[in-house]
Amino acid sequence: MSTATLIGLVAGALTTLSWLPQVLRAFRTRSTKDFAWVWFAMFGTGVVAWLIYGLIAAAPAVIAANAITLLLVLALAGLKARHSLR
């Protein structure tokens, strides 16, 4: 594994896992009111674009970070949708 790939994996892990406390907090408090649907659309689209880029470029760090980020953001959006129905 190259040094650049290793640095990319560490950077991706840190920025991606930074979402975990927010998702857990939203799950615990059942509050997602501070997240705008427009933000989910913009951020989610950006993450998908980065994921596609990573797949095209065959960049494992970009693929891993954005795939996991997408899962966390989708989980948060799912919580917001569920909370909005109440």
N, C-alpha and C. Protein backbone atom coordinates (compact mmCIF):
# COMPACT_ATOMS: atom_id res chain seq x y z
N MET A 1 0.86 -1.18 0.00
CA MET A 1 0.00 0.00 0.00
C MET A 1 0.90 1.24 0.00
N SER A 2 0.55 2.17 -0.86
CA SER A 2 1.37 3.38 -0.96
C SER A 2 1.11 4.31 0.23
N THR A 3 2.04 5.19 0.46
CA THR A 3 1.89 6.18 1.54
C THR A 3 0.68 7.07 1.27
N ALA A 4 0.48 7.45 0.02
CA ALA A 4 -0.66 8.30 -0.32
C ALA A 4 -1.98 7.60 -0.01
N THR A 5 -2.08 6.32 -0.33
CA THR A 5 -3.29 5.56 -0.03
C THR A 5 -3.51 5.46 1.47
N LEU A 6 -2.44 5.22 2.21
CA LEU A 6 -2.54 5.13 3.67
C LEU A 6 -3.01 6.45 4.27
N ILE A 7 -2.43 7.56 3.82
CA ILE A 7 -2.85 8.87 4.31
C ILE A 7 -4.31 9.11 3.95
N GLY A 8 -4.70 8.74 2.74
CA GLY A 8 -6.09 8.89 2.31
C GLY A 8 -7.05 8.08 3.15
N LEU A 9 -6.65 6.86 3.49
CA LEU A 9 -7.51 6.02 4.34
C LEU A 9 -7.65 6.58 5.74
N VAL A 10 -6.57 7.10 6.30
CA VAL A 10 -6.64 7.71 7.64
C VAL A 10 -7.51 8.97 7.60
N ALA A 11 -7.28 9.81 6.60
CA ALA A 11 -8.07 11.04 6.48
C ALA A 11 -9.55 10.70 6.27
N GLY A 12 -9.82 9.74 5.40
CA GLY A 12 -11.20 9.34 5.16
C GLY A 12 -11.86 8.76 6.39
N ALA A 13 -11.11 7.95 7.14
CA ALA A 13 -11.66 7.36 8.36
C ALA A 13 -12.02 8.45 9.38
N LEU A 14 -11.14 9.42 9.54
CA LEU A 14 -11.40 10.48 10.51
C LEU A 14 -12.60 11.33 10.12
N THR A 15 -12.66 11.76 8.86
CA THR A 15 -13.77 12.62 8.44
C THR A 15 -15.09 11.84 8.37
N THR A 16 -15.02 10.60 7.98
CA THR A 16 -16.24 9.78 7.90
C THR A 16 -16.76 9.42 9.28
N LEU A 17 -15.89 8.96 10.14
CA LEU A 17 -16.32 8.55 11.48
C LEU A 17 -16.74 9.73 12.34
N SER A 18 -16.41 10.95 11.92
CA SER A 18 -16.87 12.12 12.67
C SER A 18 -18.39 12.24 12.61
N TRP A 19 -19.02 11.57 11.65
CA TRP A 19 -20.48 11.57 11.55
C TRP A 19 -21.13 10.63 12.55
N LEU A 20 -20.43 9.64 13.01
CA LEU A 20 -21.00 8.65 13.90
C LEU A 20 -21.59 9.24 15.18
N PRO A 21 -20.90 10.15 15.88
CA PRO A 21 -21.51 10.73 17.08
C PRO A 21 -22.81 11.48 16.78
N GLN A 22 -22.88 12.13 15.61
CA GLN A 22 -24.09 12.87 15.25
C GLN A 22 -25.25 11.92 15.00
N VAL A 23 -24.98 10.83 14.30
CA VAL A 23 -26.02 9.84 14.03
C VAL A 23 -26.50 9.21 15.34
N LEU A 24 -25.56 8.85 16.21
CA LEU A 24 -25.93 8.26 17.50
C LEU A 24 -26.73 9.23 18.36
N ARG A 25 -26.33 10.51 18.34
CA ARG A 25 -27.04 11.52 19.13
C ARG A 25 -28.47 11.69 18.60
N ALA A 26 -28.61 11.75 17.29
CA ALA A 26 -29.95 11.89 16.71
C ALA A 26 -30.81 10.68 17.04
N PHE A 27 -30.21 9.50 17.05
CA PHE A 27 -30.94 8.28 17.40
C PHE A 27 -31.37 8.32 18.87
N ARG A 28 -30.45 8.73 19.74
CA ARG A 28 -30.75 8.78 21.19
C ARG A 28 -31.79 9.84 21.52
N THR A 29 -31.61 11.05 20.98
CA THR A 29 -32.49 12.16 21.34
C THR A 29 -33.76 12.20 20.50
N ARG A 30 -33.77 11.43 19.40
CA ARG A 30 -34.89 11.43 18.47
C ARG A 30 -35.17 12.82 17.92
N SER A 31 -34.10 13.59 17.74
CA SER A 31 -34.22 14.94 17.22
C SER A 31 -33.29 15.13 16.02
N THR A 32 -33.89 15.48 14.91
CA THR A 32 -33.12 15.78 13.70
C THR A 32 -33.57 17.11 13.10
N LYS A 33 -34.25 17.92 13.91
CA LYS A 33 -34.83 19.16 13.41
C LYS A 33 -33.78 20.15 12.90
N ASP A 34 -32.55 20.04 13.36
CA ASP A 34 -31.51 20.98 12.93
C ASP A 34 -30.95 20.65 11.56
N PHE A 35 -31.35 19.55 10.97
CA PHE A 35 -30.87 19.16 9.64
C PHE A 35 -31.92 19.53 8.60
N ALA A 36 -31.53 20.30 7.60
CA ALA A 36 -32.44 20.70 6.53
C ALA A 36 -32.42 19.64 5.43
N TRP A 37 -33.58 19.42 4.82
CA TRP A 37 -33.66 18.47 3.71
C TRP A 37 -32.79 18.91 2.54
N VAL A 38 -32.67 20.22 2.33
CA VAL A 38 -31.81 20.72 1.25
C VAL A 38 -30.36 20.32 1.52
N TRP A 39 -29.95 20.37 2.77
CA TRP A 39 -28.59 19.96 3.12
C TRP A 39 -28.39 18.48 2.79
N PHE A 40 -29.36 17.63 3.16
CA PHE A 40 -29.25 16.21 2.84
C PHE A 40 -29.10 16.01 1.34
N ALA A 41 -29.90 16.73 0.55
CA ALA A 41 -29.83 16.59 -0.92
C ALA A 41 -28.48 17.03 -1.46
N MET A 42 -28.00 18.17 -1.00
CA MET A 42 -26.72 18.68 -1.51
C MET A 42 -25.55 17.82 -1.05
N PHE A 43 -25.49 17.54 0.23
CA PHE A 43 -24.38 16.77 0.76
C PHE A 43 -24.39 15.34 0.22
N GLY A 44 -25.57 14.73 0.20
CA GLY A 44 -25.69 13.37 -0.32
C GLY A 44 -25.28 13.27 -1.78
N THR A 45 -25.68 14.24 -2.58
CA THR A 45 -25.29 14.25 -3.99
C THR A 45 -23.78 14.39 -4.13
N GLY A 46 -23.19 15.25 -3.30
CA GLY A 46 -21.73 15.39 -3.33
C GLY A 46 -21.02 14.11 -2.94
N VAL A 47 -21.51 13.43 -1.94
CA VAL A 47 -20.90 12.17 -1.50
C VAL A 47 -21.03 11.11 -2.60
N VAL A 48 -22.19 11.04 -3.24
CA VAL A 48 -22.36 10.08 -4.34
C VAL A 48 -21.40 10.42 -5.49
N ALA A 49 -21.25 11.70 -5.79
CA ALA A 49 -20.32 12.11 -6.86
C ALA A 49 -18.88 11.70 -6.51
N TRP A 50 -18.47 11.91 -5.26
CA TRP A 50 -17.13 11.48 -4.83
C TRP A 50 -16.99 9.97 -4.91
N LEU A 51 -18.02 9.25 -4.56
CA LEU A 51 -17.99 7.80 -4.63
C LEU A 51 -17.83 7.34 -6.09
N ILE A 52 -18.57 7.94 -6.98
CA ILE A 52 -18.44 7.61 -8.41
C ILE A 52 -17.03 7.94 -8.89
N TYR A 53 -16.52 9.10 -8.50
CA TYR A 53 -15.16 9.48 -8.87
C TYR A 53 -14.16 8.43 -8.37
N GLY A 54 -14.31 8.02 -7.11
CA GLY A 54 -13.42 7.02 -6.53
C GLY A 54 -13.47 5.70 -7.28
N LEU A 55 -14.67 5.31 -7.71
CA LEU A 55 -14.80 4.07 -8.47
C LEU A 55 -14.12 4.20 -9.84
N ILE A 56 -14.33 5.33 -10.50
CA ILE A 56 -13.71 5.55 -11.81
C ILE A 56 -12.19 5.61 -11.69
N ALA A 57 -11.71 6.30 -10.65
CA ALA A 57 -10.26 6.46 -10.45
C ALA A 57 -9.63 5.27 -9.76
N ALA A 58 -10.45 4.31 -9.34
CA ALA A 58 -9.96 3.15 -8.59
C ALA A 58 -9.14 3.58 -7.38
N ALA A 59 -9.72 4.52 -6.61
CA ALA A 59 -9.06 5.07 -5.42
C ALA A 59 -9.71 4.49 -4.17
N PRO A 60 -9.08 3.49 -3.55
CA PRO A 60 -9.71 2.81 -2.41
C PRO A 60 -10.06 3.73 -1.25
N ALA A 61 -9.23 4.71 -0.98
CA ALA A 61 -9.51 5.62 0.15
C ALA A 61 -10.77 6.44 -0.13
N VAL A 62 -10.92 6.92 -1.34
CA VAL A 62 -12.09 7.72 -1.71
C VAL A 62 -13.34 6.84 -1.70
N ILE A 63 -13.23 5.65 -2.22
CA ILE A 63 -14.36 4.72 -2.26
C ILE A 63 -14.82 4.38 -0.84
N ALA A 64 -13.90 3.96 0.00
CA ALA A 64 -14.26 3.54 1.37
C ALA A 64 -14.87 4.68 2.16
N ALA A 65 -14.21 5.84 2.15
CA ALA A 65 -14.70 6.97 2.94
C ALA A 65 -16.08 7.40 2.50
N ASN A 66 -16.31 7.49 1.22
CA ASN A 66 -17.59 7.99 0.73
C ASN A 66 -18.69 6.95 0.81
N ALA A 67 -18.37 5.69 0.69
CA ALA A 67 -19.39 4.65 0.85
C ALA A 67 -19.90 4.64 2.29
N ILE A 68 -19.00 4.73 3.23
CA ILE A 68 -19.40 4.73 4.65
C ILE A 68 -20.12 6.02 5.01
N THR A 69 -19.62 7.15 4.50
CA THR A 69 -20.29 8.43 4.74
C THR A 69 -21.71 8.40 4.20
N LEU A 70 -21.87 7.84 3.00
CA LEU A 70 -23.20 7.75 2.42
C LEU A 70 -24.14 6.93 3.31
N LEU A 71 -23.66 5.83 3.85
CA LEU A 71 -24.48 5.02 4.75
C LEU A 71 -24.89 5.81 6.00
N LEU A 72 -23.95 6.56 6.57
CA LEU A 72 -24.26 7.34 7.77
C LEU A 72 -25.26 8.46 7.46
N VAL A 73 -25.07 9.13 6.34
CA VAL A 73 -26.00 10.21 5.97
C VAL A 73 -27.38 9.65 5.64
N LEU A 74 -27.43 8.49 4.98
CA LEU A 74 -28.72 7.86 4.72
C LEU A 74 -29.41 7.46 6.02
N ALA A 75 -28.63 6.99 7.00
CA ALA A 75 -29.21 6.64 8.30
C ALA A 75 -29.79 7.88 8.97
N LEU A 76 -29.06 8.98 8.90
CA LEU A 76 -29.53 10.23 9.49
C LEU A 76 -30.77 10.74 8.76
N ALA A 77 -30.79 10.63 7.44
CA ALA A 77 -31.97 11.04 6.67
C ALA A 77 -33.16 10.14 7.01
N GLY A 78 -32.90 8.86 7.19
CA GLY A 78 -33.97 7.95 7.58
C GLY A 78 -34.55 8.32 8.94
N LEU A 79 -33.69 8.68 9.87
CA LEU A 79 -34.18 9.13 11.19
C LEU A 79 -35.00 10.40 11.06
N LYS A 80 -34.52 11.33 10.23
CA LYS A 80 -35.26 12.58 10.03
C LYS A 80 -36.63 12.29 9.41
N ALA A 81 -36.69 11.41 8.44
CA ALA A 81 -37.96 11.06 7.80
C ALA A 81 -38.91 10.44 8.83
N ARG A 82 -38.36 9.54 9.61
CA ARG A 82 -39.19 8.89 10.63
C ARG A 82 -39.68 9.89 11.67
N HIS A 83 -38.82 10.80 12.08
CA HIS A 83 -39.20 11.80 13.08
C HIS A 83 -40.18 12.82 12.50
N SER A 84 -40.10 13.08 11.19
CA SER A 84 -40.99 14.03 10.55
C SER A 84 -42.42 13.50 10.47
N LEU A 85 -42.58 12.19 10.48
CA LEU A 85 -43.90 11.60 10.39
C LEU A 85 -44.68 11.68 11.69
N ARG A 86 -43.98 12.00 12.76
CA ARG A 86 -44.64 12.06 14.07
C ARG A 86 -45.27 13.39 14.32
